[in-house]
Amino acid sequence: MKKRTFGFYLRIYRKILVQDLKSKMSYRADFIISTIGMIFTNLSGFLSFWILFQNFPSIMGWGYHEMLFLYGFSLIALTPVQCLFDNNWNLRHYVYSGDFIKYCFRPINLFFYYMSEVFDIKGLGQLAFGIFTLSYAWSHLEIGFSAILLIKVILCLLTASLFM
């Protein structure tokens, strides 16, 4: 049997992703409604912090912009889980119903195929909102900006994503 390379799986993933996005875009109303729902979900978190910090100037020494920074950071760190691993929630249903057996007969890695079958595009909206929130808080915290600091933040985001 021929050894599968990373490039092979990347090409397969791209093809599966395109098909998944085509199927999701065929129901435009559902796509638009779920996107709006994700925006309101993220806005409610942002608004909750604003309301909370209108009544309390700080909580255990943490201010409004510091908490927003952490909120934006967590939204960005959750994005890979939201986009790439959202199918985990359905695993139990697939196993109980017997539908999981179809993955066992594919000529590629079972875990790869199962996980790549679903891409939650709403996670991209979450990523955009997280970047906006993190940038907004960063600018108000007067942290400054340098290439080294940006690399550190990216490494911390990658590490946090692995924990998620």
C-alpha atoms as a PDB file:
ATOM      1  CA  MET A   1       0.000   0.000   0.000  1.00  0.00           C
ATOM      2  CA  LYS A   2       1.283   3.432  -0.955  1.00  0.00           C
ATOM      3  CA  LYS A   3       2.232   5.761   1.933  1.00  0.00           C
ATOM      4  CA  ARG A   4      -0.065   8.802   2.146  1.00  0.00           C
ATOM      5  CA  THR A   5       1.667  12.177   2.308  1.00  0.00           C
ATOM      6  CA  PHE A   6       0.547  15.395   3.901  1.00  0.00           C
ATOM      7  CA  GLY A   7      -0.003  16.821   0.414  1.00  0.00           C
ATOM      8  CA  PHE A   8      -2.345  13.940  -0.424  1.00  0.00           C
ATOM      9  CA  TYR A   9      -4.498  14.642   2.632  1.00  0.00           C
ATOM     10  CA  LEU A  10      -4.438  18.380   1.926  1.00  0.00           C
ATOM     11  CA  ARG A  11      -5.792  17.784  -1.612  1.00  0.00           C
ATOM     12  CA  ILE A  12      -8.469  15.438  -0.283  1.00  0.00           C
ATOM     13  CA  TYR A  13      -9.414  17.917   2.441  1.00  0.00           C
ATOM     14  CA  ARG A  14      -9.757  20.706  -0.118  1.00  0.00           C
ATOM     15  CA  LYS A  15     -12.123  18.574  -2.227  1.00  0.00           C
ATOM     16  CA  ILE A  16     -14.227  17.578   0.780  1.00  0.00           C
ATOM     17  CA  LEU A  17     -14.323  21.195   1.993  1.00  0.00           C
ATOM     18  CA  VAL A  18     -15.524  22.463  -1.389  1.00  0.00           C
ATOM     19  CA  GLN A  19     -18.346  19.893  -1.420  1.00  0.00           C
ATOM     20  CA  ASP A  20     -19.336  20.737   2.154  1.00  0.00           C
ATOM     21  CA  LEU A  21     -19.429  24.471   1.391  1.00  0.00           C
ATOM     22  CA  LYS A  22     -21.499  23.852  -1.763  1.00  0.00           C
ATOM     23  CA  SER A  23     -24.041  21.891   0.235  1.00  0.00           C
ATOM     24  CA  LYS A  24     -24.239  24.590   2.917  1.00  0.00           C
ATOM     25  CA  MET A  25     -24.581  27.386   0.373  1.00  0.00           C
ATOM     26  CA  SER A  26     -27.494  25.579  -1.283  1.00  0.00           C
ATOM     27  CA  TYR A  27     -29.569  26.593   1.754  1.00  0.00           C
ATOM     28  CA  ARG A  28     -28.740  30.286   1.732  1.00  0.00           C
ATOM     29  CA  ALA A  29     -31.381  31.303   4.288  1.00  0.00           C
ATOM     30  CA  ASP A  30     -30.038  28.791   6.813  1.00  0.00           C
ATOM     31  CA  PHE A  31     -26.489  30.013   6.178  1.00  0.00           C
ATOM     32  CA  ILE A  32     -27.479  33.670   6.618  1.00  0.00           C
ATOM     33  CA  ILE A  33     -29.569  33.014   9.738  1.00  0.00           C
ATOM     34  CA  SER A  34     -26.819  30.958  11.405  1.00  0.00           C
ATOM     35  CA  THR A  35     -24.242  33.629  10.556  1.00  0.00           C
ATOM     36  CA  ILE A  36     -26.443  36.341  12.062  1.00  0.00           C
ATOM     37  CA  GLY A  37     -26.965  34.112  15.111  1.00  0.00           C
ATOM     38  CA  MET A  38     -23.197  33.751  15.572  1.00  0.00           C
ATOM     39  CA  ILE A  39     -22.752  37.526  15.294  1.00  0.00           C
ATOM     40  CA  PHE A  40     -25.409  38.119  17.967  1.00  0.00           C
ATOM     41  CA  THR A  41     -23.879  35.444  20.195  1.00  0.00           C
ATOM     42  CA  ASN A  42     -20.509  37.193  20.063  1.00  0.00           C
ATOM     43  CA  LEU A  43     -22.084  40.632  20.452  1.00  0.00           C
ATOM     44  CA  SER A  44     -23.914  39.451  23.558  1.00  0.00           C
ATOM     45  CA  GLY A  45     -20.583  38.476  25.133  1.00  0.00           C
ATOM     46  CA  PHE A  46     -19.139  41.869  24.229  1.00  0.00           C
ATOM     47  CA  LEU A  47     -22.248  43.608  25.586  1.00  0.00           C
ATOM     48  CA  SER A  48     -22.156  41.565  28.797  1.00  0.00           C
ATOM     49  CA  PHE A  49     -18.655  42.826  29.526  1.00  0.00           C
ATOM     50  CA  TRP A  50     -19.722  46.388  28.779  1.00  0.00           C
ATOM     51  CA  ILE A  51     -22.757  46.191  31.124  1.00  0.00           C
ATOM     52  CA  LEU A  52     -20.735  44.482  33.847  1.00  0.00           C
ATOM     53  CA  PHE A  53     -17.967  47.060  33.750  1.00  0.00           C
ATOM     54  CA  GLN A  54     -20.419  49.973  33.686  1.00  0.00           C
ATOM     55  CA  ASN A  55     -21.391  48.873  37.202  1.00  0.00           C
ATOM     56  CA  PHE A  56     -17.979  47.720  38.445  1.00  0.00           C
ATOM     57  CA  PRO A  57     -14.784  49.560  37.442  1.00  0.00           C
ATOM     58  CA  SER A  58     -12.703  46.430  37.993  1.00  0.00           C
ATOM     59  CA  ILE A  59     -13.138  42.867  39.107  1.00  0.00           C
ATOM     60  CA  MET A  60     -10.297  41.525  41.247  1.00  0.00           C
ATOM     61  CA  GLY A  61      -7.995  44.061  39.603  1.00  0.00           C
ATOM     62  CA  TRP A  62      -9.055  43.202  36.028  1.00  0.00           C
ATOM     63  CA  GLY A  63     -10.398  46.102  33.984  1.00  0.00           C
ATOM     64  CA  TYR A  64     -12.797  46.241  31.042  1.00  0.00           C
ATOM     65  CA  HIS A  65     -10.195  46.209  28.280  1.00  0.00           C
ATOM     66  CA  GLU A  66      -8.155  43.483  29.955  1.00  0.00           C
ATOM     67  CA  MET A  67     -11.228  41.240  30.092  1.00  0.00           C
ATOM     68  CA  LEU A  68     -12.070  42.086  26.473  1.00  0.00           C
ATOM     69  CA  PHE A  69      -8.530  41.124  25.524  1.00  0.00           C
ATOM     70  CA  LEU A  70      -9.014  37.715  27.158  1.00  0.00           C
ATOM     71  CA  TYR A  71     -12.441  37.330  25.540  1.00  0.00           C
ATOM     72  CA  GLY A  72     -11.060  38.107  22.073  1.00  0.00           C
ATOM     73  CA  PHE A  73      -8.125  35.793  22.724  1.00  0.00           C
ATOM     74  CA  SER A  74     -10.465  32.943  23.679  1.00  0.00           C
ATOM     75  CA  LEU A  75     -12.651  33.501  20.603  1.00  0.00           C
ATOM     76  CA  ILE A  76      -9.611  33.239  18.336  1.00  0.00           C
ATOM     77  CA  ALA A  77      -8.294  30.191  20.195  1.00  0.00           C
ATOM     78  CA  LEU A  78     -11.677  28.454  19.860  1.00  0.00           C
ATOM     79  CA  THR A  79     -11.883  29.028  16.093  1.00  0.00           C
ATOM     80  CA  PRO A  80      -9.966  25.887  14.993  1.00  0.00           C
ATOM     81  CA  VAL A  81     -12.166  23.771  17.263  1.00  0.00           C
ATOM     82  CA  GLN A  82     -15.302  25.483  15.929  1.00  0.00           C
ATOM     83  CA  CYS A  83     -14.294  25.159  12.276  1.00  0.00           C
ATOM     84  CA  LEU A  84     -12.427  21.864  12.083  1.00  0.00           C
ATOM     85  CA  PHE A  85     -13.662  19.658  14.921  1.00  0.00           C
ATOM     86  CA  ASP A  86     -17.363  20.510  15.134  1.00  0.00           C
ATOM     87  CA  ASN A  87     -18.262  17.027  13.889  1.00  0.00           C
ATOM     88  CA  ASN A  88     -17.171  15.560  17.259  1.00  0.00           C
ATOM     89  CA  TRP A  89     -20.601  16.415  18.644  1.00  0.00           C
ATOM     90  CA  ASN A  90     -22.222  13.988  16.177  1.00  0.00           C
ATOM     91  CA  LEU A  91     -19.939  11.016  16.810  1.00  0.00           C
ATOM     92  CA  ARG A  92     -22.176   9.381  19.402  1.00  0.00           C
ATOM     93  CA  HIS A  93     -25.207   9.647  17.102  1.00  0.00           C
ATOM     94  CA  TYR A  94     -23.278   8.114  14.177  1.00  0.00           C
ATOM     95  CA  VAL A  95     -22.069   5.213  16.312  1.00  0.00           C
ATOM     96  CA  TYR A  96     -25.502   4.529  17.885  1.00  0.00           C
ATOM     97  CA  SER A  97     -27.338   4.680  14.543  1.00  0.00           C
ATOM     98  CA  GLY A  98     -24.752   2.521  12.777  1.00  0.00           C
ATOM     99  CA  ASP A  99     -23.934   5.217  10.205  1.00  0.00           C
ATOM    100  CA  PHE A 100     -20.326   5.393  11.387  1.00  0.00           C
ATOM    101  CA  ILE A 101     -19.562   2.124   9.587  1.00  0.00           C
ATOM    102  CA  LYS A 102     -19.372   3.992   6.256  1.00  0.00           C
ATOM    103  CA  TYR A 103     -16.140   5.644   7.412  1.00  0.00           C
ATOM    104  CA  CYS A 104     -14.510   2.258   7.964  1.00  0.00           C
ATOM    105  CA  PHE A 105     -14.700   1.397   4.260  1.00  0.00           C
ATOM    106  CA  ARG A 106     -12.975   4.501   2.887  1.00  0.00           C
ATOM    107  CA  PRO A 107      -9.426   4.092   1.583  1.00  0.00           C
ATOM    108  CA  ILE A 108      -8.161   6.971   3.737  1.00  0.00           C
ATOM    109  CA  ASN A 109      -7.600   7.509   7.450  1.00  0.00           C
ATOM    110  CA  LEU A 110     -10.892   7.043   9.305  1.00  0.00           C
ATOM    111  CA  PHE A 111     -10.377   9.930  11.746  1.00  0.00           C
ATOM    112  CA  PHE A 112      -9.265  12.293   8.989  1.00  0.00           C
ATOM    113  CA  TYR A 113     -12.272  11.551   6.810  1.00  0.00           C
ATOM    114  CA  TYR A 114     -14.773  11.838   9.654  1.00  0.00           C
ATOM    115  CA  MET A 115     -13.356  15.154  10.904  1.00  0.00           C
ATOM    116  CA  SER A 116     -12.949  16.702   7.462  1.00  0.00           C
ATOM    117  CA  GLU A 117     -16.507  15.936   6.432  1.00  0.00           C
ATOM    118  CA  VAL A 118     -17.847  18.975   8.322  1.00  0.00           C
ATOM    119  CA  PHE A 119     -16.416  22.512   8.284  1.00  0.00           C
ATOM    120  CA  ASP A 120     -18.349  25.012  10.400  1.00  0.00           C
ATOM    121  CA  ILE A 121     -18.018  28.244   8.444  1.00  0.00           C
ATOM    122  CA  LYS A 122     -19.579  30.225  11.315  1.00  0.00           C
ATOM    123  CA  GLY A 123     -16.244  29.835  13.046  1.00  0.00           C
ATOM    124  CA  LEU A 124     -14.752  32.268  10.528  1.00  0.00           C
ATOM    125  CA  GLY A 125     -17.167  34.931  11.777  1.00  0.00           C
ATOM    126  CA  GLN A 126     -16.074  34.074  15.297  1.00  0.00           C
ATOM    127  CA  LEU A 127     -12.451  34.497  14.197  1.00  0.00           C
ATOM    128  CA  ALA A 128     -13.175  37.922  12.680  1.00  0.00           C
ATOM    129  CA  PHE A 129     -15.030  39.057  15.804  1.00  0.00           C
ATOM    130  CA  GLY A 130     -12.225  37.712  18.007  1.00  0.00           C
ATOM    131  CA  ILE A 131      -9.579  39.565  16.001  1.00  0.00           C
ATOM    132  CA  PHE A 132     -11.641  42.767  16.191  1.00  0.00           C
ATOM    133  CA  THR A 133     -12.154  42.406  19.960  1.00  0.00           C
ATOM    134  CA  LEU A 134      -8.502  41.554  20.611  1.00  0.00           C
ATOM    135  CA  SER A 135      -7.317  44.481  18.456  1.00  0.00           C
ATOM    136  CA  TYR A 136      -9.742  46.900  20.103  1.00  0.00           C
ATOM    137  CA  ALA A 137      -8.655  45.861  23.606  1.00  0.00           C
ATOM    138  CA  TRP A 138      -4.983  45.823  22.607  1.00  0.00           C
ATOM    139  CA  SER A 139      -5.161  49.408  21.363  1.00  0.00           C
ATOM    140  CA  HIS A 140      -6.781  50.591  24.601  1.00  0.00           C
ATOM    141  CA  LEU A 141      -4.353  48.740  26.859  1.00  0.00           C
ATOM    142  CA  GLU A 142      -1.381  50.563  25.350  1.00  0.00           C
ATOM    143  CA  ILE A 143       0.631  47.347  25.142  1.00  0.00           C
ATOM    144  CA  GLY A 144       2.559  48.532  22.124  1.00  0.00           C
ATOM    145  CA  PHE A 145       3.388  46.505  19.072  1.00  0.00           C
ATOM    146  CA  SER A 146       6.459  44.668  17.867  1.00  0.00           C
ATOM    147  CA  ALA A 147       7.169  41.665  15.685  1.00  0.00           C
ATOM    148  CA  ILE A 148       8.423  39.681  18.685  1.00  0.00           C
ATOM    149  CA  LEU A 149       5.260  40.431  20.665  1.00  0.00           C
ATOM    150  CA  LEU A 150       3.076  39.446  17.691  1.00  0.00           C
ATOM    151  CA  ILE A 151       4.948  36.134  17.366  1.00  0.00           C
ATOM    152  CA  LYS A 152       4.473  35.505  21.099  1.00  0.00           C
ATOM    153  CA  VAL A 153       0.731  36.178  20.843  1.00  0.00           C
ATOM    154  CA  ILE A 154       0.415  33.861  17.831  1.00  0.00           C
ATOM    155  CA  LEU A 155       2.321  31.105  19.651  1.00  0.00           C
ATOM    156  CA  CYS A 156       0.093  31.563  22.690  1.00  0.00           C
ATOM    157  CA  LEU A 157      -2.995  31.387  20.468  1.00  0.00           C
ATOM    158  CA  LEU A 158      -1.770  28.177  18.851  1.00  0.00           C
ATOM    159  CA  THR A 159      -1.040  26.663  22.248  1.00  0.00           C
ATOM    160  CA  ALA A 160      -4.428  27.746  23.604  1.00  0.00           C
ATOM    161  CA  SER A 161      -6.108  26.189  20.549  1.00  0.00           C
ATOM    162  CA  LEU A 162      -4.438  22.880  21.322  1.00  0.00           C
ATOM    163  CA  PHE A 163      -5.804  23.027  24.869  1.00  0.00           C
ATOM    164  CA  MET A 164      -9.291  23.778  23.575  1.00  0.00           C
END
